[in-house]
């Protein structure tokens, strides 16, 4: 049985996310001098990503010494508790490098083969989202509203594609969204920011093609508390896998089921 985190632990992770945001902002204020490397075409990593991940992993290891840690930029510690903190130091690095505000720090807890708790902090938007099992989901301390339904007259979804996803698959996904289900779409370049839009009811759902576990580990338990579900089958999903998933209201998931059903994987499409 998965138990809710104690209040002190929740507050500790919130503080860590906020302090990590300050580390990221120091880099952001001097973008012209931030070293940028490429992990692949349009897939960037900066000294800010590395410094923020280091700050997060050191803080989590101190606060939860028995827990494991898994991070985008290479952090990997098994732990002994059966719990793993999954961190994305800056989700939306491309936006960060370009001087945009669509990036966030993401800290999620994975336990008993499921995401159980998450904290997201978007520093430039002053948005702190917290939630998980046994804990009401909030943004800046205010409880998030329950989400449901799908109004076809104004339906909209976020979409995200990893840079390695073939153009044909991207176009087929967008064709399905526009033609088969008649939705508008948004693509902001950050799964975490897109999932915040789902939480706030600005879109009905999100389609992620080629995303990683750290892109959604914090968001999913926050969203689950307000009626938002996903198609990821964590019992058959490795933390290092690239994902093909949908996340949204039950009505949204029903609408996109022909293209992304529960348990769908990326398979051999990349």
Protein backbone atom coordinates (compact mmCIF):
# COMPACT_ATOMS: atom_id res chain seq x y z
CA UNK A 1 0.00 0.00 0.00
CA UNK A 2 1.33 3.44 -0.97
CA UNK A 3 1.03 6.00 1.83
CA UNK A 4 0.85 9.78 1.36
CA UNK A 5 4.00 11.77 2.05
CA UNK A 6 4.15 13.51 5.39
CA UNK A 7 3.57 17.27 5.38
CA UNK A 8 7.19 17.97 6.29
CA UNK A 9 8.41 15.91 3.34
CA UNK A 10 6.05 17.69 0.95
CA UNK A 11 7.26 21.07 2.18
CA UNK A 12 10.89 19.96 1.86
CA UNK A 13 10.44 19.03 -1.80
CA UNK A 14 8.62 22.31 -2.50
CA UNK A 15 11.53 24.26 -0.99
CA UNK A 16 14.02 22.23 -2.98
CA UNK A 17 12.15 22.95 -6.23
CA UNK A 18 11.96 26.67 -5.46
CA UNK A 19 15.65 26.85 -4.55
CA UNK A 20 16.56 24.89 -7.70
CA UNK A 21 14.53 27.47 -9.61
CA UNK A 22 16.79 30.17 -8.22
CA UNK A 23 19.81 28.23 -9.51
CA UNK A 24 18.24 28.02 -12.96
CA UNK A 25 17.34 31.72 -12.96
CA UNK A 26 20.93 32.73 -12.25
CA UNK A 27 21.90 30.94 -15.47
CA UNK A 28 18.89 32.32 -17.32
CA UNK A 29 19.91 35.90 -16.49
CA UNK A 30 23.26 35.33 -18.22
CA UNK A 31 22.10 33.28 -21.21
CA UNK A 32 24.79 34.62 -23.53
CA UNK A 33 27.44 32.91 -21.38
CA UNK A 34 25.64 29.63 -20.63
CA UNK A 35 27.48 26.71 -22.31
CA UNK A 36 25.12 24.72 -24.56
CA UNK A 37 25.74 21.18 -25.82
CA UNK A 38 23.70 19.09 -28.24
CA UNK A 39 22.39 15.61 -27.45
CA UNK A 40 20.97 15.46 -30.97
CA UNK A 41 19.24 17.66 -33.52
CA UNK A 42 17.24 20.33 -31.63
CA UNK A 43 17.89 18.41 -28.38
CA UNK A 44 19.99 20.60 -26.11
CA UNK A 45 21.56 20.43 -22.68
CA UNK A 46 23.10 23.36 -20.82
CA UNK A 47 25.29 23.94 -17.79
CA UNK A 48 22.06 25.09 -16.14
CA UNK A 49 20.47 21.63 -16.62
CA UNK A 50 23.52 20.00 -15.11
CA UNK A 51 23.80 22.41 -12.16
CA UNK A 52 20.10 22.20 -11.36
CA UNK A 53 20.09 18.38 -11.52
CA UNK A 54 23.14 18.29 -9.25
CA UNK A 55 21.39 20.60 -6.79
CA UNK A 56 18.22 18.49 -6.85
CA UNK A 57 19.97 15.14 -6.47
CA UNK A 58 22.11 16.36 -3.58
CA UNK A 59 19.06 17.82 -1.86
CA UNK A 60 16.93 14.71 -2.35
CA UNK A 61 19.75 12.41 -1.21
CA UNK A 62 20.09 14.45 1.98
CA UNK A 63 16.35 14.61 2.69
CA UNK A 64 15.56 11.01 1.66
CA UNK A 65 18.80 9.01 2.00
CA UNK A 66 17.12 5.62 1.50
CA UNK A 67 15.35 6.57 -1.74
CA UNK A 68 16.63 6.14 -5.28
CA UNK A 69 17.12 8.98 -7.76
CA UNK A 70 16.76 8.97 -11.55
CA UNK A 71 17.44 12.12 -13.60
CA UNK A 72 17.45 13.25 -17.21
CA UNK A 73 21.08 14.29 -17.17
CA UNK A 74 22.41 11.02 -15.78
CA UNK A 75 21.61 10.95 -12.08
CA UNK A 76 21.08 7.32 -11.08
CA UNK A 77 20.97 5.87 -7.57
CA UNK A 78 19.13 2.66 -6.72
CA UNK A 79 18.27 3.28 -3.07
CA UNK A 80 16.90 0.73 -0.61
CA UNK A 81 13.36 1.96 0.11
CA UNK A 82 11.71 0.96 -3.17
CA UNK A 83 10.95 4.62 -3.90
CA UNK A 84 12.63 6.59 -6.69
CA UNK A 85 12.67 10.36 -7.22
CA UNK A 86 12.53 11.13 -10.95
CA UNK A 87 13.79 14.60 -11.82
CA UNK A 88 13.83 16.81 -14.89
CA UNK A 89 16.03 19.78 -13.99
CA UNK A 90 14.74 22.00 -16.82
CA UNK A 91 11.95 20.64 -18.97
CA UNK A 92 11.91 22.92 -21.99
CA UNK A 93 15.65 23.51 -22.35
CA UNK A 94 15.19 24.68 -25.95
CA UNK A 95 12.78 27.38 -24.72
CA UNK A 96 15.19 28.23 -21.88
CA UNK A 97 18.07 28.73 -24.32
CA UNK A 98 15.90 30.91 -26.57
CA UNK A 99 14.94 33.16 -23.65
CA UNK A 100 11.35 31.92 -23.35
CA UNK A 101 9.32 31.32 -20.20
CA UNK A 102 7.99 27.87 -21.15
CA UNK A 103 10.25 25.74 -18.95
CA UNK A 104 9.94 24.21 -15.50
CA UNK A 105 11.59 22.11 -12.82
CA UNK A 106 9.95 18.74 -12.28
CA UNK A 107 10.30 16.38 -9.29
CA UNK A 108 8.21 13.21 -9.26
CA UNK A 109 8.08 10.22 -6.92
CA UNK A 110 7.76 6.70 -8.35
CA UNK A 111 6.67 3.96 -5.98
CA UNK A 112 4.97 0.57 -6.31
CA UNK A 113 5.11 0.83 -10.12
CA UNK A 114 3.26 4.14 -10.31
CA UNK A 115 3.81 7.90 -10.01
CA UNK A 116 2.62 8.87 -6.52
CA UNK A 117 3.63 12.49 -5.87
CA UNK A 118 4.86 15.48 -7.83
CA UNK A 119 6.11 19.02 -7.56
CA UNK A 120 6.44 21.32 -10.57
CA UNK A 121 7.92 24.82 -10.41
CA UNK A 122 7.88 27.20 -13.38
CA UNK A 123 10.00 30.12 -12.08
CA UNK A 124 9.28 32.73 -14.75
CA UNK A 125 5.54 32.08 -14.46
CA UNK A 126 5.57 31.90 -10.65
CA UNK A 127 3.65 28.61 -10.78
CA UNK A 128 4.16 25.96 -8.10
CA UNK A 129 2.04 22.84 -8.52
CA UNK A 130 1.91 20.10 -5.89
CA UNK A 131 -0.17 16.94 -5.52
CA UNK A 132 -0.31 13.19 -5.25
CA UNK A 133 -1.86 10.23 -3.49
CA UNK A 134 -3.74 11.41 -0.42
CA UNK A 135 -2.87 15.03 -1.15
CA UNK A 136 -5.10 17.61 -2.84
CA UNK A 137 -3.54 19.11 -5.98
CA UNK A 138 -2.80 22.81 -5.73
CA UNK A 139 -1.19 25.65 -7.63
CA UNK A 140 0.40 28.31 -5.44
CA UNK A 141 -1.56 26.92 -2.51
CA UNK A 142 -4.96 27.12 -4.24
CA UNK A 143 -6.79 23.88 -4.88
CA UNK A 144 -7.07 22.93 -8.57
CA UNK A 145 -10.55 22.33 -9.96
CA UNK A 146 -11.70 18.88 -11.04
CA UNK A 147 -11.58 18.42 -14.82
CA UNK A 148 -13.96 16.46 -17.01
CA UNK A 149 -15.77 16.54 -20.34
CA UNK A 150 -14.89 17.39 -23.91
CA UNK A 151 -16.73 20.17 -25.72
CA UNK A 152 -16.28 19.38 -29.41
CA UNK A 153 -17.08 22.99 -30.37
CA UNK A 154 -13.87 24.19 -28.70
CA UNK A 155 -11.79 21.06 -28.15
CA UNK A 156 -8.03 21.52 -27.93
CA UNK A 157 -4.99 19.48 -27.01
CA UNK A 158 -1.30 19.94 -26.50
CA UNK A 159 1.13 17.91 -28.58
CA UNK A 160 4.80 17.14 -28.10
CA UNK A 161 7.32 15.31 -30.28
CA UNK A 162 10.86 14.30 -29.40
CA UNK A 163 13.22 15.58 -32.13
CA UNK A 164 13.98 12.02 -33.30
CA UNK A 165 10.33 11.27 -34.13
CA UNK A 166 9.94 10.85 -37.92
CA UNK A 167 8.11 13.60 -39.76
CA UNK A 168 5.55 11.13 -41.14
CA UNK A 169 4.48 10.11 -37.62
CA UNK A 170 4.24 13.74 -36.53
CA UNK A 171 2.10 14.64 -39.53
CA UNK A 172 -0.16 11.63 -39.06
CA UNK A 173 -0.69 12.58 -35.42
CA UNK A 174 -1.58 16.16 -36.33
CA UNK A 175 -3.83 15.00 -39.17
CA UNK A 176 -5.71 12.78 -36.73
CA UNK A 177 -6.11 15.64 -34.24
CA UNK A 178 -7.30 18.13 -36.86
CA UNK A 179 -9.34 15.92 -39.15
CA UNK A 180 -10.54 12.84 -37.27
CA UNK A 181 -11.39 14.44 -33.93
CA UNK A 182 -11.64 18.07 -35.02
CA UNK A 183 -9.48 19.62 -32.32
CA UNK A 184 -7.12 22.56 -32.37
CA UNK A 185 -3.64 21.92 -31.03
CA UNK A 186 -0.80 23.66 -29.24
CA UNK A 187 2.89 22.77 -29.21
CA UNK A 188 4.95 24.69 -26.65
CA UNK A 189 8.08 22.53 -26.52
CA UNK A 190 7.71 21.43 -22.90
CA UNK A 191 5.63 18.46 -21.80
CA UNK A 192 5.52 19.82 -18.26
CA UNK A 193 4.15 23.22 -19.34
CA UNK A 194 1.66 21.47 -21.62
CA UNK A 195 0.47 19.32 -18.72
CA UNK A 196 0.06 22.45 -16.58
CA UNK A 197 -2.29 23.68 -19.31
CA UNK A 198 -4.24 20.43 -18.93
CA UNK A 199 -4.40 20.96 -15.16
CA UNK A 200 -5.76 24.48 -15.62
CA UNK A 201 -8.35 23.41 -18.20
CA UNK A 202 -6.72 25.44 -20.98
CA UNK A 203 -6.62 22.28 -23.11
CA UNK A 204 -8.50 18.99 -22.80
CA UNK A 205 -5.46 16.75 -22.98
CA UNK A 206 -1.96 16.13 -24.25
CA UNK A 207 -0.39 13.75 -26.77
CA UNK A 208 3.29 12.96 -26.17
CA UNK A 209 5.30 11.07 -28.78
CA UNK A 210 8.82 10.15 -27.70
CA UNK A 211 8.65 11.72 -24.23
CA UNK A 212 10.60 10.29 -21.28
CA UNK A 213 9.44 9.34 -17.79
CA UNK A 214 10.96 12.47 -16.30
CA UNK A 215 8.78 14.61 -18.58
CA UNK A 216 5.58 13.48 -16.87
CA UNK A 217 6.44 11.76 -13.58
CA UNK A 218 5.66 14.85 -11.49
CA UNK A 219 2.62 15.95 -13.48
CA UNK A 220 0.67 12.68 -13.55
CA UNK A 221 0.00 12.32 -9.80
CA UNK A 222 -0.98 15.99 -9.64
CA UNK A 223 -3.38 15.51 -12.54
CA UNK A 224 -4.75 12.23 -11.23
CA UNK A 225 -6.20 13.98 -8.18
CA UNK A 226 -8.32 16.25 -10.40
CA UNK A 227 -9.75 13.57 -12.69
CA UNK A 228 -7.09 13.55 -15.42
CA UNK A 229 -5.85 10.12 -16.52
CA UNK A 230 -3.10 8.83 -18.81
CA UNK A 231 -2.60 5.84 -21.11
CA UNK A 232 0.80 4.88 -19.69
CA UNK A 233 0.88 1.33 -18.32
CA UNK A 234 3.61 1.70 -15.72
CA UNK A 235 3.60 -2.03 -14.95
CA UNK A 236 5.12 -2.64 -18.40
CA UNK A 237 7.10 0.61 -18.72
CA UNK A 238 10.74 1.07 -17.81
CA UNK A 239 11.81 4.46 -16.44
CA UNK A 240 14.34 4.80 -19.28
CA UNK A 241 11.79 4.07 -22.05
CA UNK A 242 10.66 6.59 -24.63
CA UNK A 243 6.89 6.91 -24.35
CA UNK A 244 3.91 7.30 -26.63
CA UNK A 245 1.01 8.40 -24.47
CA UNK A 246 -2.12 10.48 -24.07
CA UNK A 247 -3.17 12.34 -20.95
CA UNK A 248 -6.46 14.13 -20.40
CA UNK A 249 -10.06 13.90 -19.33
CA UNK A 250 -11.69 10.47 -19.76
CA UNK A 251 -13.67 11.91 -22.67
CA UNK A 252 -10.47 13.13 -24.32
CA UNK A 253 -8.81 9.72 -23.92
CA UNK A 254 -11.84 8.08 -25.53
CA UNK A 255 -11.60 10.47 -28.49
CA UNK A 256 -7.90 9.76 -29.12
CA UNK A 257 -8.07 6.01 -28.41
CA UNK A 258 -7.80 5.09 -32.13
CA UNK A 259 -4.32 6.60 -32.25
CA UNK A 260 -3.10 6.13 -28.65
CA UNK A 261 -4.86 3.47 -26.60
CA UNK A 262 -4.03 2.49 -23.02
CA UNK A 263 -0.64 0.83 -22.87
CA UNK A 264 0.44 2.11 -26.30
CA UNK A 265 4.21 2.21 -26.81
CA UNK A 266 6.56 3.84 -29.28
CA UNK A 267 7.56 0.42 -30.61
CA UNK A 268 9.68 0.52 -33.76
CA UNK A 269 8.46 3.92 -34.95
CA UNK A 270 11.79 5.67 -34.26
